[in-house]
């Protein structure tokens, strides 16, 4: 059964896009069929994948935005490898709020969920990236998902935002559980861009352990220059530093899969 996941949060620059991209990349490398949905008008996820795989196997007949407008995404998928495909975003996606005005009011938060039903059976995993705001994009992504990974950068404002994000998605699930069969679960809270010798980082980690308990991932994503290089030049697996960065994400991904019950 397809698992739909969003790595998400309300604050920018915390690593949610790179998490969605890296997990999609690693699962595809393992042989899973993966669809990465770039539901952010900035299109950063697509930029990284396009740099990683500059020669797409198959270009879409219809753009992602046009597919949304036609309520059909089947012809909007870009195939980068045999296992990794994308719904590639661009600035035209910023028109989503206006597009939703033409959609039934009670269904507007479920547009993406509805449209993914037409393509999800072709994939083992679907990851959804969104802008770092409380918006139509975020609501659609969460309500389309089976699983949510909250991203916590180890600094005070991100910690506060993460607590608000968790509270928000709990309320969202409660409000829609009965009438719309919403049943997503929180995989956990992933601490991101952790500085090993940072005093503030350690204070945030301590507070997060006290507040979040078992919801907190055991493994972390640490600050690594090579991860910045992945964002600039695309993901690579050529040298020791590439392999170390990929291993860091692999360990976290394995924990996420275990929490989701994937063997």
C-alpha atoms as a PDB file:
ATOM      1  CA  UNK A   1       0.000   0.000   0.000  1.00  0.00           C
ATOM      2  CA  UNK A   2       1.285   3.446  -0.932  1.00  0.00           C
ATOM      3  CA  UNK A   3       2.547   5.541   1.950  1.00  0.00           C
ATOM      4  CA  UNK A   4       2.130   9.311   1.590  1.00  0.00           C
ATOM      5  CA  UNK A   5       4.488  11.356   3.766  1.00  0.00           C
ATOM      6  CA  UNK A   6       5.199  15.037   4.337  1.00  0.00           C
ATOM      7  CA  UNK A   7       8.222  16.395   6.214  1.00  0.00           C
ATOM      8  CA  UNK A   8       6.843  19.679   7.401  1.00  0.00           C
ATOM      9  CA  UNK A   9       6.857  22.639   9.759  1.00  0.00           C
ATOM     10  CA  UNK A  10       5.842  26.274   9.973  1.00  0.00           C
ATOM     11  CA  UNK A  11       9.336  27.819   9.975  1.00  0.00           C
ATOM     12  CA  UNK A  12      11.565  28.402   6.946  1.00  0.00           C
ATOM     13  CA  UNK A  13      15.125  27.146   6.622  1.00  0.00           C
ATOM     14  CA  UNK A  14      14.701  24.176   8.951  1.00  0.00           C
ATOM     15  CA  UNK A  15      15.462  21.443   6.413  1.00  0.00           C
ATOM     16  CA  UNK A  16      12.048  20.140   5.420  1.00  0.00           C
ATOM     17  CA  UNK A  17      12.698  20.407   1.669  1.00  0.00           C
ATOM     18  CA  UNK A  18      16.050  18.638   1.893  1.00  0.00           C
ATOM     19  CA  UNK A  19      14.486  15.954   4.088  1.00  0.00           C
ATOM     20  CA  UNK A  20      11.717  15.298   1.564  1.00  0.00           C
ATOM     21  CA  UNK A  21      14.261  15.243  -1.272  1.00  0.00           C
ATOM     22  CA  UNK A  22      16.822  13.049   0.471  1.00  0.00           C
ATOM     23  CA  UNK A  23      14.307  10.482   1.677  1.00  0.00           C
ATOM     24  CA  UNK A  24      12.794  10.314  -1.828  1.00  0.00           C
ATOM     25  CA  UNK A  25      16.241   9.887  -3.381  1.00  0.00           C
ATOM     26  CA  UNK A  26      17.357   7.192  -0.914  1.00  0.00           C
ATOM     27  CA  UNK A  27      14.157   5.162  -1.213  1.00  0.00           C
ATOM     28  CA  UNK A  28      14.351   5.308  -5.007  1.00  0.00           C
ATOM     29  CA  UNK A  29      17.967   4.134  -4.834  1.00  0.00           C
ATOM     30  CA  UNK A  30      16.741   1.135  -2.819  1.00  0.00           C
ATOM     31  CA  UNK A  31      14.370   0.187  -5.602  1.00  0.00           C
ATOM     32  CA  UNK A  32      11.115   1.659  -4.319  1.00  0.00           C
ATOM     33  CA  UNK A  33       8.881   3.564  -6.716  1.00  0.00           C
ATOM     34  CA  UNK A  34       8.789   7.128  -5.368  1.00  0.00           C
ATOM     35  CA  UNK A  35       6.859  10.251  -6.331  1.00  0.00           C
ATOM     36  CA  UNK A  36       8.092  13.572  -4.953  1.00  0.00           C
ATOM     37  CA  UNK A  37       5.421  16.276  -5.019  1.00  0.00           C
ATOM     38  CA  UNK A  38       6.895  19.781  -5.090  1.00  0.00           C
ATOM     39  CA  UNK A  39       3.898  21.666  -3.697  1.00  0.00           C
ATOM     40  CA  UNK A  40       5.907  24.855  -3.170  1.00  0.00           C
ATOM     41  CA  UNK A  41       5.812  27.653  -5.795  1.00  0.00           C
ATOM     42  CA  UNK A  42       9.532  28.284  -5.145  1.00  0.00           C
ATOM     43  CA  UNK A  43      10.294  24.872  -6.632  1.00  0.00           C
ATOM     44  CA  UNK A  44      13.409  24.188  -4.544  1.00  0.00           C
ATOM     45  CA  UNK A  45      12.838  20.430  -4.363  1.00  0.00           C
ATOM     46  CA  UNK A  46      12.609  20.252  -8.124  1.00  0.00           C
ATOM     47  CA  UNK A  47      15.807  22.260  -8.531  1.00  0.00           C
ATOM     48  CA  UNK A  48      17.776  19.742  -6.445  1.00  0.00           C
ATOM     49  CA  UNK A  49      16.392  16.709  -8.274  1.00  0.00           C
ATOM     50  CA  UNK A  50      16.954  18.338 -11.679  1.00  0.00           C
ATOM     51  CA  UNK A  51      20.604  18.923 -10.755  1.00  0.00           C
ATOM     52  CA  UNK A  52      20.903  15.348  -9.511  1.00  0.00           C
ATOM     53  CA  UNK A  53      19.347  13.877 -12.656  1.00  0.00           C
ATOM     54  CA  UNK A  54      19.815  16.431 -15.459  1.00  0.00           C
ATOM     55  CA  UNK A  55      18.623  13.972 -18.119  1.00  0.00           C
ATOM     56  CA  UNK A  56      15.000  13.163 -17.356  1.00  0.00           C
ATOM     57  CA  UNK A  57      13.715   9.902 -18.790  1.00  0.00           C
ATOM     58  CA  UNK A  58      10.293  11.286 -19.513  1.00  0.00           C
ATOM     59  CA  UNK A  59       8.897  14.831 -19.510  1.00  0.00           C
ATOM     60  CA  UNK A  60       5.235  15.434 -18.706  1.00  0.00           C
ATOM     61  CA  UNK A  61       2.652  16.212 -21.354  1.00  0.00           C
ATOM     62  CA  UNK A  62       0.894  18.611 -18.974  1.00  0.00           C
ATOM     63  CA  UNK A  63       2.488  20.845 -16.311  1.00  0.00           C
ATOM     64  CA  UNK A  64       1.735  20.238 -12.642  1.00  0.00           C
ATOM     65  CA  UNK A  65      -0.271  23.454 -12.400  1.00  0.00           C
ATOM     66  CA  UNK A  66      -2.263  22.659 -15.543  1.00  0.00           C
ATOM     67  CA  UNK A  67      -2.937  19.206 -14.131  1.00  0.00           C
ATOM     68  CA  UNK A  68      -4.288  20.768 -10.946  1.00  0.00           C
ATOM     69  CA  UNK A  69      -6.529  23.043 -12.978  1.00  0.00           C
ATOM     70  CA  UNK A  70      -7.818  20.090 -14.993  1.00  0.00           C
ATOM     71  CA  UNK A  71      -8.222  17.982 -11.805  1.00  0.00           C
ATOM     72  CA  UNK A  72      -6.058  15.261 -13.344  1.00  0.00           C
ATOM     73  CA  UNK A  73      -2.366  14.663 -12.532  1.00  0.00           C
ATOM     74  CA  UNK A  74      -1.860  11.515 -14.596  1.00  0.00           C
ATOM     75  CA  UNK A  75      -0.086  13.376 -17.424  1.00  0.00           C
ATOM     76  CA  UNK A  76       1.842  15.803 -15.195  1.00  0.00           C
ATOM     77  CA  UNK A  77       4.518  13.484 -13.834  1.00  0.00           C
ATOM     78  CA  UNK A  78       8.184  13.989 -14.704  1.00  0.00           C
ATOM     79  CA  UNK A  79      10.116  10.728 -14.639  1.00  0.00           C
ATOM     80  CA  UNK A  80      13.762  11.239 -13.664  1.00  0.00           C
ATOM     81  CA  UNK A  81      14.781   7.592 -13.204  1.00  0.00           C
ATOM     82  CA  UNK A  82      13.032   4.248 -13.356  1.00  0.00           C
ATOM     83  CA  UNK A  83      12.182   4.672  -9.667  1.00  0.00           C
ATOM     84  CA  UNK A  84      12.046   8.417  -8.972  1.00  0.00           C
ATOM     85  CA  UNK A  85       9.351  10.687 -10.427  1.00  0.00           C
ATOM     86  CA  UNK A  86       8.141  14.180  -9.574  1.00  0.00           C
ATOM     87  CA  UNK A  87       5.339  16.623  -9.859  1.00  0.00           C
ATOM     88  CA  UNK A  88       7.559  19.613 -10.621  1.00  0.00           C
ATOM     89  CA  UNK A  89       6.455  23.023  -9.375  1.00  0.00           C
ATOM     90  CA  UNK A  90       6.967  26.528 -10.694  1.00  0.00           C
ATOM     91  CA  UNK A  91       5.799  30.037  -9.779  1.00  0.00           C
ATOM     92  CA  UNK A  92       2.438  29.429 -11.446  1.00  0.00           C
ATOM     93  CA  UNK A  93       1.587  27.290  -8.430  1.00  0.00           C
ATOM     94  CA  UNK A  94       1.274  30.556  -6.485  1.00  0.00           C
ATOM     95  CA  UNK A  95      -2.165  30.779  -8.118  1.00  0.00           C
ATOM     96  CA  UNK A  96      -3.403  27.859  -5.994  1.00  0.00           C
ATOM     97  CA  UNK A  97      -5.465  30.013  -3.576  1.00  0.00           C
ATOM     98  CA  UNK A  98      -7.274  31.569  -6.550  1.00  0.00           C
ATOM     99  CA  UNK A  99      -7.774  28.150  -8.129  1.00  0.00           C
ATOM    100  CA  UNK A 100      -9.340  26.848  -4.929  1.00  0.00           C
ATOM    101  CA  UNK A 101     -11.954  29.598  -5.058  1.00  0.00           C
ATOM    102  CA  UNK A 102     -13.523  27.659  -7.925  1.00  0.00           C
ATOM    103  CA  UNK A 103     -13.517  24.424  -5.917  1.00  0.00           C
ATOM    104  CA  UNK A 104     -16.190  23.393  -3.427  1.00  0.00           C
ATOM    105  CA  UNK A 105     -15.504  25.252  -0.177  1.00  0.00           C
ATOM    106  CA  UNK A 106     -15.737  22.198   2.066  1.00  0.00           C
ATOM    107  CA  UNK A 107     -13.388  20.267  -0.238  1.00  0.00           C
ATOM    108  CA  UNK A 108     -10.641  22.858  -0.755  1.00  0.00           C
ATOM    109  CA  UNK A 109      -8.287  21.361   1.782  1.00  0.00           C
ATOM    110  CA  UNK A 110      -8.649  17.966   0.108  1.00  0.00           C
ATOM    111  CA  UNK A 111      -7.844  18.867  -3.491  1.00  0.00           C
ATOM    112  CA  UNK A 112      -4.379  17.278  -3.438  1.00  0.00           C
ATOM    113  CA  UNK A 113      -5.610  14.157  -1.661  1.00  0.00           C
ATOM    114  CA  UNK A 114      -8.340  13.735  -4.242  1.00  0.00           C
ATOM    115  CA  UNK A 115      -5.998  14.149  -7.202  1.00  0.00           C
ATOM    116  CA  UNK A 116      -3.279  11.861  -5.827  1.00  0.00           C
ATOM    117  CA  UNK A 117      -5.791   9.009  -5.781  1.00  0.00           C
ATOM    118  CA  UNK A 118      -5.469   8.892  -9.555  1.00  0.00           C
ATOM    119  CA  UNK A 119      -1.700   8.254  -9.497  1.00  0.00           C
ATOM    120  CA  UNK A 120      -0.735   6.842  -6.100  1.00  0.00           C
ATOM    121  CA  UNK A 121      -1.156   3.180  -6.981  1.00  0.00           C
ATOM    122  CA  UNK A 122       1.903   3.477  -9.252  1.00  0.00           C
ATOM    123  CA  UNK A 123       4.155   4.303  -6.294  1.00  0.00           C
ATOM    124  CA  UNK A 124       5.349   2.800  -3.028  1.00  0.00           C
ATOM    125  CA  UNK A 125       6.007   6.198  -1.442  1.00  0.00           C
ATOM    126  CA  UNK A 126       4.851   9.739  -2.115  1.00  0.00           C
ATOM    127  CA  UNK A 127       6.611  12.666  -0.395  1.00  0.00           C
ATOM    128  CA  UNK A 128       5.064  16.149  -0.375  1.00  0.00           C
ATOM    129  CA  UNK A 129       7.070  19.350   0.069  1.00  0.00           C
ATOM    130  CA  UNK A 130       5.348  22.665   0.885  1.00  0.00           C
ATOM    131  CA  UNK A 131       6.166  26.290   1.707  1.00  0.00           C
ATOM    132  CA  UNK A 132       7.061  26.903   5.368  1.00  0.00           C
ATOM    133  CA  UNK A 133       3.779  28.593   6.238  1.00  0.00           C
ATOM    134  CA  UNK A 134       0.324  27.764   7.472  1.00  0.00           C
ATOM    135  CA  UNK A 135      -1.452  27.875   4.129  1.00  0.00           C
ATOM    136  CA  UNK A 136      -3.591  26.062   1.572  1.00  0.00           C
ATOM    137  CA  UNK A 137      -0.430  24.228   0.521  1.00  0.00           C
ATOM    138  CA  UNK A 138       0.340  22.952   4.011  1.00  0.00           C
ATOM    139  CA  UNK A 139      -3.235  21.976   4.801  1.00  0.00           C
ATOM    140  CA  UNK A 140      -3.594  20.098   1.517  1.00  0.00           C
ATOM    141  CA  UNK A 141      -0.298  18.283   2.064  1.00  0.00           C
ATOM    142  CA  UNK A 142      -1.064  17.211   5.623  1.00  0.00           C
ATOM    143  CA  UNK A 143      -4.606  16.084   4.831  1.00  0.00           C
ATOM    144  CA  UNK A 144      -3.326  14.121   1.825  1.00  0.00           C
ATOM    145  CA  UNK A 145      -0.732  12.321   3.943  1.00  0.00           C
ATOM    146  CA  UNK A 146      -0.689   9.115   5.922  1.00  0.00           C
ATOM    147  CA  UNK A 147       2.345  10.236   7.901  1.00  0.00           C
ATOM    148  CA  UNK A 148       3.846  13.560   9.019  1.00  0.00           C
ATOM    149  CA  UNK A 149       7.446  14.112  10.094  1.00  0.00           C
ATOM    150  CA  UNK A 150       7.865  17.362  12.027  1.00  0.00           C
ATOM    151  CA  UNK A 151      11.224  19.064  11.465  1.00  0.00           C
ATOM    152  CA  UNK A 152      12.851  20.805  14.420  1.00  0.00           C
ATOM    153  CA  UNK A 153      15.946  22.920  13.918  1.00  0.00           C
ATOM    154  CA  UNK A 154      17.806  23.223  17.197  1.00  0.00           C
ATOM    155  CA  UNK A 155      17.134  26.881  17.898  1.00  0.00           C
ATOM    156  CA  UNK A 156      14.500  28.458  20.115  1.00  0.00           C
ATOM    157  CA  UNK A 157      12.122  29.872  17.490  1.00  0.00           C
ATOM    158  CA  UNK A 158      12.058  26.581  15.603  1.00  0.00           C
ATOM    159  CA  UNK A 159      11.401  24.674  18.828  1.00  0.00           C
ATOM    160  CA  UNK A 160       8.463  26.947  19.626  1.00  0.00           C
ATOM    161  CA  UNK A 161       7.143  26.645  16.057  1.00  0.00           C
ATOM    162  CA  UNK A 162       7.405  22.857  16.205  1.00  0.00           C
ATOM    163  CA  UNK A 163       5.251  22.678  19.330  1.00  0.00           C
ATOM    164  CA  UNK A 164       2.661  24.890  17.612  1.00  0.00           C
ATOM    165  CA  UNK A 165       2.841  22.743  14.475  1.00  0.00           C
ATOM    166  CA  UNK A 166       2.194  19.544  16.413  1.00  0.00           C
ATOM    167  CA  UNK A 167      -0.747  21.127  18.207  1.00  0.00           C
ATOM    168  CA  UNK A 168      -2.124  22.360  14.886  1.00  0.00           C
ATOM    169  CA  UNK A 169      -1.983  19.005  13.111  1.00  0.00           C
ATOM    170  CA  UNK A 170      -3.610  17.327  16.114  1.00  0.00           C
ATOM    171  CA  UNK A 171      -6.502  19.788  15.868  1.00  0.00           C
ATOM    172  CA  UNK A 172      -6.641  19.315  12.092  1.00  0.00           C
ATOM    173  CA  UNK A 173      -6.962  15.560  12.480  1.00  0.00           C
ATOM    174  CA  UNK A 174      -9.601  15.909  15.174  1.00  0.00           C
ATOM    175  CA  UNK A 175     -11.686  18.324  13.104  1.00  0.00           C
ATOM    176  CA  UNK A 176     -11.733  16.156   9.977  1.00  0.00           C
ATOM    177  CA  UNK A 177     -11.404  12.610  11.302  1.00  0.00           C
ATOM    178  CA  UNK A 178     -15.074  11.683  11.273  1.00  0.00           C
ATOM    179  CA  UNK A 179     -16.518  13.308   8.155  1.00  0.00           C
ATOM    180  CA  UNK A 180     -13.488  13.007   5.873  1.00  0.00           C
ATOM    181  CA  UNK A 181     -11.769   9.834   7.123  1.00  0.00           C
ATOM    182  CA  UNK A 182      -8.586  11.712   8.010  1.00  0.00           C
ATOM    183  CA  UNK A 183      -6.256   9.335   9.779  1.00  0.00           C
ATOM    184  CA  UNK A 184      -2.664  10.557   9.416  1.00  0.00           C
ATOM    185  CA  UNK A 185      -0.157   9.927  12.197  1.00  0.00           C
ATOM    186  CA  UNK A 186       2.917  11.770  13.426  1.00  0.00           C
ATOM    187  CA  UNK A 187       5.998   9.690  12.650  1.00  0.00           C
ATOM    188  CA  UNK A 188       7.988  11.802  15.051  1.00  0.00           C
ATOM    189  CA  UNK A 189      10.017  14.974  15.423  1.00  0.00           C
ATOM    190  CA  UNK A 190      13.345  15.074  13.616  1.00  0.00           C
ATOM    191  CA  UNK A 191      16.041  17.365  15.014  1.00  0.00           C
ATOM    192  CA  UNK A 192      17.800  19.028  12.099  1.00  0.00           C
ATOM    193  CA  UNK A 193      21.002  21.048  11.568  1.00  0.00           C
ATOM    194  CA  UNK A 194      22.219  20.027  14.991  1.00  0.00           C
ATOM    195  CA  UNK A 195      25.600  21.468  15.960  1.00  0.00           C
ATOM    196  CA  UNK A 196      27.317  18.829  18.063  1.00  0.00           C
ATOM    197  CA  UNK A 197      29.245  21.250  20.283  1.00  0.00           C
ATOM    198  CA  UNK A 198      26.593  23.969  20.364  1.00  0.00           C
ATOM    199  CA  UNK A 199      25.442  24.929  23.861  1.00  0.00           C
ATOM    200  CA  UNK A 200      22.071  26.206  22.649  1.00  0.00           C
ATOM    201  CA  UNK A 201      21.622  23.068  20.548  1.00  0.00           C
ATOM    202  CA  UNK A 202      22.126  20.899  23.626  1.00  0.00           C
ATOM    203  CA  UNK A 203      19.684  23.017  25.631  1.00  0.00           C
ATOM    204  CA  UNK A 204      17.030  22.667  22.920  1.00  0.00           C
ATOM    205  CA  UNK A 205      17.641  18.916  22.693  1.00  0.00           C
ATOM    206  CA  UNK A 206      17.207  18.636  26.463  1.00  0.00           C
ATOM    207  CA  UNK A 207      13.963  20.619  26.410  1.00  0.00           C
ATOM    208  CA  UNK A 208      12.665  18.660  23.419  1.00  0.00           C
ATOM    209  CA  UNK A 209      13.330  15.341  25.173  1.00  0.00           C
ATOM    210  CA  UNK A 210      11.406  16.521  28.216  1.00  0.00           C
ATOM    211  CA  UNK A 211       8.488  17.872  26.190  1.00  0.00           C
ATOM    212  CA  UNK A 212       8.222  15.422  23.303  1.00  0.00           C
ATOM    213  CA  UNK A 213       9.466  12.185  24.841  1.00  0.00           C
ATOM    214  CA  UNK A 214       9.219   9.195  22.486  1.00  0.00           C
ATOM    215  CA  UNK A 215       7.985  11.429  19.647  1.00  0.00           C
ATOM    216  CA  UNK A 216      11.564  12.689  19.263  1.00  0.00           C
ATOM    217  CA  UNK A 217      13.694  10.767  16.762  1.00  0.00           C
ATOM    218  CA  UNK A 218      16.685   8.995  18.301  1.00  0.00           C
ATOM    219  CA  UNK A 219      18.812   9.935  15.290  1.00  0.00           C
ATOM    220  CA  UNK A 220      19.546  13.510  14.198  1.00  0.00           C
ATOM    221  CA  UNK A 221      20.624  15.390  11.087  1.00  0.00           C
ATOM    222  CA  UNK A 222      23.807  17.328  11.867  1.00  0.00           C
ATOM    223  CA  UNK A 223      25.295  20.378  10.210  1.00  0.00           C
ATOM    224  CA  UNK A 224      27.353  19.189   7.254  1.00  0.00           C
ATOM    225  CA  UNK A 225      28.934  21.275   4.507  1.00  0.00           C
ATOM    226  CA  UNK A 226      28.345  18.446   2.056  1.00  0.00           C
ATOM    227  CA  UNK A 227      24.560  18.745   2.514  1.00  0.00           C
ATOM    228  CA  UNK A 228      24.845  22.368   1.335  1.00  0.00           C
ATOM    229  CA  UNK A 229      26.748  21.067  -1.680  1.00  0.00           C
ATOM    230  CA  UNK A 230      23.895  18.657  -2.442  1.00  0.00           C
ATOM    231  CA  UNK A 231      21.525  21.624  -2.488  1.00  0.00           C
ATOM    232  CA  UNK A 232      23.792  23.587  -4.808  1.00  0.00           C
ATOM    233  CA  UNK A 233      25.010  20.889  -7.195  1.00  0.00           C
ATOM    234  CA  UNK A 234      22.676  17.938  -6.743  1.00  0.00           C
ATOM    235  CA  UNK A 235      22.956  14.757  -4.686  1.00  0.00           C
ATOM    236  CA  UNK A 236      26.080  12.696  -5.353  1.00  0.00           C
ATOM    237  CA  UNK A 237      27.677   9.513  -4.054  1.00  0.00           C
ATOM    238  CA  UNK A 238      31.218   9.893  -5.306  1.00  0.00           C
ATOM    239  CA  UNK A 239      33.552  10.372  -2.356  1.00  0.00           C
ATOM    240  CA  UNK A 240      33.871   9.806   1.379  1.00  0.00           C
ATOM    241  CA  UNK A 241      32.094  13.057   2.298  1.00  0.00           C
ATOM    242  CA  UNK A 242      29.159  12.229   0.038  1.00  0.00           C
ATOM    243  CA  UNK A 243      28.877   8.800   1.610  1.00  0.00           C
ATOM    244  CA  UNK A 244      29.009  10.184   5.151  1.00  0.00           C
ATOM    245  CA  UNK A 245      26.241  12.678   4.417  1.00  0.00           C
ATOM    246  CA  UNK A 246      24.112  10.017   2.726  1.00  0.00           C
ATOM    247  CA  UNK A 247      24.675   7.638   5.635  1.00  0.00           C
ATOM    248  CA  UNK A 248      23.436  10.267   8.092  1.00  0.00           C
ATOM    249  CA  UNK A 249      20.147  10.539   6.195  1.00  0.00           C
ATOM    250  CA  UNK A 250      19.979   6.768   5.706  1.00  0.00           C
ATOM    251  CA  UNK A 251      20.085   6.143   9.461  1.00  0.00           C
ATOM    252  CA  UNK A 252      17.286   8.671  10.027  1.00  0.00           C
ATOM    253  CA  UNK A 253      15.252   7.213   7.166  1.00  0.00           C
ATOM    254  CA  UNK A 254      15.590   3.722   8.624  1.00  0.00           C
ATOM    255  CA  UNK A 255      14.240   5.000  11.938  1.00  0.00           C
ATOM    256  CA  UNK A 256      11.333   6.699  10.151  1.00  0.00           C
ATOM    257  CA  UNK A 257      10.496   3.511   8.251  1.00  0.00           C
ATOM    258  CA  UNK A 258      10.608   1.514  11.477  1.00  0.00           C
ATOM    259  CA  UNK A 259       8.243   3.984  13.132  1.00  0.00           C
ATOM    260  CA  UNK A 260       5.890   3.616  10.142  1.00  0.00           C
ATOM    261  CA  UNK A 261       6.012  -0.162  10.373  1.00  0.00           C
ATOM    262  CA  UNK A 262       7.870  -0.628   7.094  1.00  0.00           C
ATOM    263  CA  UNK A 263      10.179  -3.649   7.201  1.00  0.00           C
END
